[in-house]
C-alpha atoms as a PDB file:
ATOM      1  CA  MET A   1      -9.720   3.634   3.566  1.00  0.00           C
ATOM      2  CA  ASN A   2      -9.681   5.056   0.057  1.00  0.00           C
ATOM      3  CA  ARG A   3      -8.733   2.115  -2.181  1.00  0.00           C
ATOM      4  CA  LYS A   4      -8.885   4.028  -5.452  1.00  0.00           C
ATOM      5  CA  PRO A   5      -5.146   4.886  -5.540  1.00  0.00           C
ATOM      6  CA  ILE A   6      -4.315   1.184  -5.110  1.00  0.00           C
ATOM      7  CA  PHE A   7      -6.679   0.099  -7.864  1.00  0.00           C
ATOM      8  CA  ASP A   8      -5.451   2.905 -10.161  1.00  0.00           C
ATOM      9  CA  ALA A   9      -1.831   1.833  -9.639  1.00  0.00           C
ATOM     10  CA  VAL A  10      -2.594  -1.813 -10.376  1.00  0.00           C
ATOM     11  CA  ARG A  11      -4.622  -0.821 -13.457  1.00  0.00           C
ATOM     12  CA  GLN A  12      -1.639   1.186 -14.684  1.00  0.00           C
ATOM     13  CA  LEU A  13       0.742  -1.724 -14.093  1.00  0.00           C
ATOM     14  CA  LEU A  14      -1.526  -4.111 -15.939  1.00  0.00           C
ATOM     15  CA  GLY A  15      -2.310  -1.649 -18.698  1.00  0.00           C
ATOM     16  CA  ARG A  16      -6.001  -2.516 -18.550  1.00  0.00           C
ATOM     17  CA  GLY A  17      -9.114  -2.427 -16.377  1.00  0.00           C
ATOM     18  CA  PHE A  18     -10.271  -5.191 -14.004  1.00  0.00           C
ATOM     19  CA  HIS A  19     -12.666  -8.071 -14.290  1.00  0.00           C
ATOM     20  CA  ALA A  20     -15.195  -8.390 -11.468  1.00  0.00           C
ATOM     21  CA  ALA A  21     -13.332 -11.405 -10.005  1.00  0.00           C
ATOM     22  CA  GLU A  22     -10.075  -9.450  -9.926  1.00  0.00           C
ATOM     23  CA  VAL A  23     -11.692  -6.622  -7.980  1.00  0.00           C
ATOM     24  CA  SER A  24     -12.943  -9.124  -5.448  1.00  0.00           C
ATOM     25  CA  VAL A  25      -9.447 -10.713  -5.050  1.00  0.00           C
ATOM     26  CA  LEU A  26      -7.834  -7.297  -4.558  1.00  0.00           C
ATOM     27  CA  ASP A  27     -10.495  -6.232  -2.019  1.00  0.00           C
ATOM     28  CA  THR A  28      -9.892  -9.421  -0.062  1.00  0.00           C
ATOM     29  CA  ALA A  29      -6.119  -8.928  -0.092  1.00  0.00           C
ATOM     30  CA  ILE A  30      -6.450  -5.314   1.100  1.00  0.00           C
ATOM     31  CA  ASP A  31      -8.845  -6.364   3.879  1.00  0.00           C
ATOM     32  CA  ALA A  32      -6.432  -9.077   4.993  1.00  0.00           C
ATOM     33  CA  ALA A  33      -3.507  -6.658   5.080  1.00  0.00           C
ATOM     34  CA  LEU A  34      -5.488  -4.155   7.122  1.00  0.00           C
ATOM     35  CA  ALA A  35      -6.566  -6.866   9.590  1.00  0.00           C
ATOM     36  CA  VAL A  36      -2.996  -7.742  10.625  1.00  0.00           C
ATOM     37  CA  ALA A  37      -1.441  -4.307  10.456  1.00  0.00           C
ATOM     38  CA  PRO A  38      -1.295  -2.310  13.666  1.00  0.00           C
ATOM     39  CA  SER A  39      -3.303   0.854  13.676  1.00  0.00           C
ATOM     40  CA  HIS A  40      -0.182   2.685  14.824  1.00  0.00           C
ATOM     41  CA  GLN A  41      -2.420   4.479  17.234  1.00  0.00           C
ATOM     42  CA  ILE A  42      -3.181   3.387  20.743  1.00  0.00           C
ATOM     43  CA  GLY A  43      -6.761   2.272  21.136  1.00  0.00           C
ATOM     44  CA  PRO A  44      -9.325   2.991  23.879  1.00  0.00           C
ATOM     45  CA  ALA A  45      -8.276  -0.069  25.941  1.00  0.00           C
ATOM     46  CA  GLY A  46      -4.652   1.100  25.923  1.00  0.00           C
ATOM     47  CA  ILE A  47      -5.523   4.633  26.895  1.00  0.00           C
ATOM     48  CA  ALA A  48      -7.729   3.339  29.748  1.00  0.00           C
ATOM     49  CA  LEU A  49      -4.892   1.138  30.920  1.00  0.00           C
ATOM     50  CA  ILE A  50      -2.441   4.013  30.998  1.00  0.00           C
ATOM     51  CA  LYS A  51      -4.901   6.286  32.771  1.00  0.00           C
ATOM     52  CA  GLN A  52      -5.687   3.575  35.308  1.00  0.00           C
ATOM     53  CA  PHE A  53      -2.062   3.171  36.331  1.00  0.00           C
ATOM     54  CA  GLU A  54      -0.806   6.701  35.838  1.00  0.00           C
ATOM     55  CA  GLY A  55      -3.754   8.380  37.490  1.00  0.00           C
ATOM     56  CA  CYS A  56      -3.970  12.114  37.346  1.00  0.00           C
ATOM     57  CA  ALA A  57      -2.591  12.457  40.859  1.00  0.00           C
ATOM     58  CA  LYS A  58      -1.923  15.314  43.252  1.00  0.00           C
ATOM     59  CA  ARG A  59      -5.092  17.270  42.523  1.00  0.00           C
ATOM     60  CA  ARG A  60      -5.176  20.408  44.589  1.00  0.00           C
ATOM     61  CA  ALA A  61      -8.220  22.023  46.206  1.00  0.00           C
ATOM     62  CA  ASP A  62      -8.301  24.573  43.346  1.00  0.00           C
ATOM     63  CA  GLY A  63      -8.681  21.739  40.793  1.00  0.00           C
ATOM     64  CA  GLN A  64      -5.161  22.077  39.422  1.00  0.00           C
ATOM     65  CA  PHE A  65      -2.502  19.354  39.580  1.00  0.00           C
ATOM     66  CA  GLU A  66       0.975  19.623  41.063  1.00  0.00           C
ATOM     67  CA  ALA A  67       4.103  17.625  40.271  1.00  0.00           C
ATOM     68  CA  TYR A  68       5.160  14.826  42.588  1.00  0.00           C
ATOM     69  CA  PRO A  69       8.382  12.856  43.032  1.00  0.00           C
ATOM     70  CA  ASP A  70       8.907   9.436  41.437  1.00  0.00           C
ATOM     71  CA  PRO A  71       7.652   6.734  43.812  1.00  0.00           C
ATOM     72  CA  GLY A  72      10.707   4.581  43.149  1.00  0.00           C
ATOM     73  CA  THR A  73      13.366   7.249  43.751  1.00  0.00           C
ATOM     74  CA  GLY A  74      11.556   9.746  45.932  1.00  0.00           C
ATOM     75  CA  GLY A  75      12.798  12.447  43.559  1.00  0.00           C
ATOM     76  CA  ALA A  76      13.615  12.630  39.865  1.00  0.00           C
ATOM     77  CA  PRO A  77      11.990  12.186  37.542  1.00  0.00           C
ATOM     78  CA  TRP A  78       9.216  14.417  38.812  1.00  0.00           C
ATOM     79  CA  THR A  79       5.819  13.580  37.386  1.00  0.00           C
ATOM     80  CA  ILE A  80       2.618  15.510  36.720  1.00  0.00           C
ATOM     81  CA  GLY A  81      -0.806  14.750  35.252  1.00  0.00           C
ATOM     82  CA  TRP A  82      -1.090  11.403  33.430  1.00  0.00           C
ATOM     83  CA  GLY A  83       2.511  10.394  34.124  1.00  0.00           C
ATOM     84  CA  ALA A  84       4.225  13.252  32.268  1.00  0.00           C
ATOM     85  CA  THR A  85       7.909  13.737  32.985  1.00  0.00           C
ATOM     86  CA  GLY A  86      10.684  15.756  31.389  1.00  0.00           C
ATOM     87  CA  LYS A  87      12.067  19.231  31.030  1.00  0.00           C
ATOM     88  CA  GLY A  88      10.178  21.871  33.007  1.00  0.00           C
ATOM     89  CA  ILE A  89       8.522  19.366  35.404  1.00  0.00           C
ATOM     90  CA  GLY A  90       9.757  19.523  38.961  1.00  0.00           C
ATOM     91  CA  PRO A  91       8.862  20.670  42.448  1.00  0.00           C
ATOM     92  CA  GLY A  92       6.342  23.483  42.233  1.00  0.00           C
ATOM     93  CA  THR A  93       5.095  22.669  38.698  1.00  0.00           C
ATOM     94  CA  VAL A  94       1.307  23.152  38.500  1.00  0.00           C
ATOM     95  CA  TRP A  95      -0.952  22.345  35.541  1.00  0.00           C
ATOM     96  CA  THR A  96      -4.650  22.605  34.792  1.00  0.00           C
ATOM     97  CA  ALA A  97      -6.654  19.474  33.904  1.00  0.00           C
ATOM     98  CA  GLN A  98      -6.622  20.659  30.273  1.00  0.00           C
ATOM     99  CA  GLN A  99      -2.821  20.829  30.309  1.00  0.00           C
ATOM    100  CA  CYS A 100      -2.660  17.317  31.726  1.00  0.00           C
ATOM    101  CA  ASP A 101      -4.998  15.948  29.038  1.00  0.00           C
ATOM    102  CA  ALA A 102      -3.200  17.799  26.233  1.00  0.00           C
ATOM    103  CA  ARG A 103       0.189  16.442  27.333  1.00  0.00           C
ATOM    104  CA  LEU A 104      -1.263  12.919  27.506  1.00  0.00           C
ATOM    105  CA  GLU A 105      -2.485  13.255  23.915  1.00  0.00           C
ATOM    106  CA  THR A 106       0.913  14.504  22.741  1.00  0.00           C
ATOM    107  CA  ASP A 107       2.786  11.754  24.676  1.00  0.00           C
ATOM    108  CA  LEU A 108       0.483   9.023  23.360  1.00  0.00           C
ATOM    109  CA  ALA A 109       1.160  10.067  19.772  1.00  0.00           C
ATOM    110  CA  ARG A 110       4.929  10.090  20.425  1.00  0.00           C
ATOM    111  CA  TYR A 111       5.010   6.762  22.242  1.00  0.00           C
ATOM    112  CA  SER A 112       2.741   5.141  19.619  1.00  0.00           C
ATOM    113  CA  SER A 113       5.066   6.342  16.885  1.00  0.00           C
ATOM    114  CA  GLU A 114       8.134   4.976  18.717  1.00  0.00           C
ATOM    115  CA  VAL A 115       6.468   1.600  19.240  1.00  0.00           C
ATOM    116  CA  SER A 116       5.447   1.486  15.569  1.00  0.00           C
ATOM    117  CA  ARG A 117       9.011   2.273  14.527  1.00  0.00           C
ATOM    118  CA  ALA A 118      10.379  -0.434  16.858  1.00  0.00           C
ATOM    119  CA  LEU A 119       7.968  -3.069  15.497  1.00  0.00           C
ATOM    120  CA  GLY A 120       8.306  -2.203  11.847  1.00  0.00           C
ATOM    121  CA  ASP A 121       5.984  -4.357   9.758  1.00  0.00           C
ATOM    122  CA  THR A 122       5.649  -7.120  12.375  1.00  0.00           C
ATOM    123  CA  PRO A 123       2.049  -8.356  12.531  1.00  0.00           C
ATOM    124  CA  THR A 124       0.576  -6.904  15.708  1.00  0.00           C
ATOM    125  CA  THR A 125      -2.966  -6.963  17.057  1.00  0.00           C
ATOM    126  CA  GLN A 126      -4.492  -3.824  18.543  1.00  0.00           C
ATOM    127  CA  GLY A 127      -4.309  -5.407  22.029  1.00  0.00           C
ATOM    128  CA  GLN A 128      -0.594  -6.171  21.590  1.00  0.00           C
ATOM    129  CA  PHE A 129       0.052  -2.650  20.329  1.00  0.00           C
ATOM    130  CA  ASP A 130      -1.869  -1.096  23.226  1.00  0.00           C
ATOM    131  CA  ALA A 131       0.058  -3.160  25.786  1.00  0.00           C
ATOM    132  CA  LEU A 132       3.393  -2.279  24.198  1.00  0.00           C
ATOM    133  CA  VAL A 133       2.565   1.450  24.145  1.00  0.00           C
ATOM    134  CA  SER A 134       1.570   1.297  27.825  1.00  0.00           C
ATOM    135  CA  PHE A 135       4.822  -0.528  28.622  1.00  0.00           C
ATOM    136  CA  HIS A 136       6.880   1.988  26.682  1.00  0.00           C
ATOM    137  CA  TYR A 137       4.974   4.942  28.186  1.00  0.00           C
ATOM    138  CA  ASN A 138       6.012   3.720  31.609  1.00  0.00           C
ATOM    139  CA  THR A 139       9.547   2.418  30.927  1.00  0.00           C
ATOM    140  CA  GLY A 140      10.782   4.146  27.761  1.00  0.00           C
ATOM    141  CA  ALA A 141      12.388   0.808  26.922  1.00  0.00           C
ATOM    142  CA  ILE A 142      10.654  -0.425  23.752  1.00  0.00           C
ATOM    143  CA  ALA A 143      13.842  -0.285  21.663  1.00  0.00           C
ATOM    144  CA  ARG A 144      15.953  -2.319  24.108  1.00  0.00           C
ATOM    145  CA  ALA A 145      13.449  -4.694  25.753  1.00  0.00           C
ATOM    146  CA  SER A 146      13.703  -8.389  25.099  1.00  0.00           C
ATOM    147  CA  LEU A 147       9.917  -8.466  24.774  1.00  0.00           C
ATOM    148  CA  THR A 148      10.177  -6.362  21.600  1.00  0.00           C
ATOM    149  CA  ARG A 149      12.696  -8.793  20.090  1.00  0.00           C
ATOM    150  CA  LEU A 150      10.499 -11.774  21.053  1.00  0.00           C
ATOM    151  CA  HIS A 151       7.381 -10.105  19.628  1.00  0.00           C
ATOM    152  CA  LYS A 152       9.124  -9.369  16.340  1.00  0.00           C
ATOM    153  CA  ALA A 153      10.215 -13.034  16.183  1.00  0.00           C
ATOM    154  CA  GLY A 154       6.587 -14.144  16.605  1.00  0.00           C
ATOM    155  CA  ASP A 155       7.212 -15.571  20.098  1.00  0.00           C
ATOM    156  CA  TYR A 156       4.127 -13.975  21.583  1.00  0.00           C
ATOM    157  CA  ASP A 157       4.047 -16.198  24.683  1.00  0.00           C
ATOM    158  CA  GLY A 158       7.677 -15.390  25.406  1.00  0.00           C
ATOM    159  CA  ALA A 159       7.021 -11.697  24.876  1.00  0.00           C
ATOM    160  CA  ALA A 160       4.030 -11.770  27.226  1.00  0.00           C
ATOM    161  CA  ALA A 161       6.169 -13.389  29.913  1.00  0.00           C
ATOM    162  CA  GLU A 162       8.731 -10.572  29.652  1.00  0.00           C
ATOM    163  CA  PHE A 163       6.318  -7.942  30.976  1.00  0.00           C
ATOM    164  CA  GLY A 164       6.720  -9.387  34.476  1.00  0.00           C
ATOM    165  CA  LYS A 165      10.433  -8.688  34.506  1.00  0.00           C
ATOM    166  CA  TRP A 166       9.888  -4.920  34.483  1.00  0.00           C
ATOM    167  CA  VAL A 167       8.621  -4.402  38.025  1.00  0.00           C
ATOM    168  CA  LEU A 168      11.514  -2.610  39.711  1.00  0.00           C
ATOM    169  CA  ALA A 169      11.926   1.115  40.357  1.00  0.00           C
ATOM    170  CA  GLY A 170      14.833   2.459  42.299  1.00  0.00           C
ATOM    171  CA  GLY A 171      15.944  -1.170  42.799  1.00  0.00           C
ATOM    172  CA  ARG A 172      12.716  -2.037  44.599  1.00  0.00           C
ATOM    173  CA  ARG A 173       9.856  -4.273  43.456  1.00  0.00           C
ATOM    174  CA  LEU A 174       6.765  -2.032  43.408  1.00  0.00           C
ATOM    175  CA  PRO A 175       3.311  -3.633  43.751  1.00  0.00           C
ATOM    176  CA  GLY A 176       1.876  -1.016  41.371  1.00  0.00           C
ATOM    177  CA  LEU A 177       4.315  -2.040  38.662  1.00  0.00           C
ATOM    178  CA  VAL A 178       3.520  -5.717  39.240  1.00  0.00           C
ATOM    179  CA  ARG A 179      -0.181  -5.000  38.735  1.00  0.00           C
ATOM    180  CA  ARG A 180       0.502  -2.845  35.670  1.00  0.00           C
ATOM    181  CA  ARG A 181       2.702  -5.491  33.996  1.00  0.00           C
ATOM    182  CA  GLU A 182       0.061  -8.127  34.711  1.00  0.00           C
ATOM    183  CA  ALA A 183      -2.621  -5.946  33.106  1.00  0.00           C
ATOM    184  CA  GLU A 184      -0.359  -5.206  30.090  1.00  0.00           C
ATOM    185  CA  ALA A 185       0.345  -8.946  29.628  1.00  0.00           C
ATOM    186  CA  THR A 186      -3.381  -9.718  29.788  1.00  0.00           C
ATOM    187  CA  ILE A 187      -4.193  -7.131  27.110  1.00  0.00           C
ATOM    188  CA  TYR A 188      -1.212  -8.309  25.033  1.00  0.00           C
ATOM    189  CA  ARG A 189      -2.458 -11.916  25.137  1.00  0.00           C
ATOM    190  CA  GLY A 190      -5.975 -10.801  24.248  1.00  0.00           C
ATOM    191  CA  THR A 191      -7.436 -12.477  27.312  1.00  0.00           C
END
């Protein structure tokens, strides 16, 4: 991180330069702020978690991927690649591996941004952020989930327990969702 703009702004406010001890105090404060702030980008562990549970399913003999129905509903929303859904994805949709990867990258940026917005300036570890992005990627519920409210209140144990409540699809408890929520809670707790 380029710290020069921060130091320049403080110099201007003070109307003078810094003493060596002051530089050290400012550096320590900046380091502390960076240590608790979320990166606002999903990390490698979060990406691996999403890929593990989304899979890049329905690979055809020609190496391309075709859309498949939601396992909970047997229909909509249709899914392709790394869990992509939405407009233009339905029966007969076929993508290349590159299209699947590109869509994942776009979706991760969007979901990371939405989680960041929902959390505001709440102190969040990278593991917590990764777990919350995975949760939101799968449910789309970061803005309305009790686990977000609990996380923002600093009740991290309570938030971690909330993951296990999101295991239903189409009114049925799905073993894959149970495993995913357990994995998200584990990453969230940092264990």
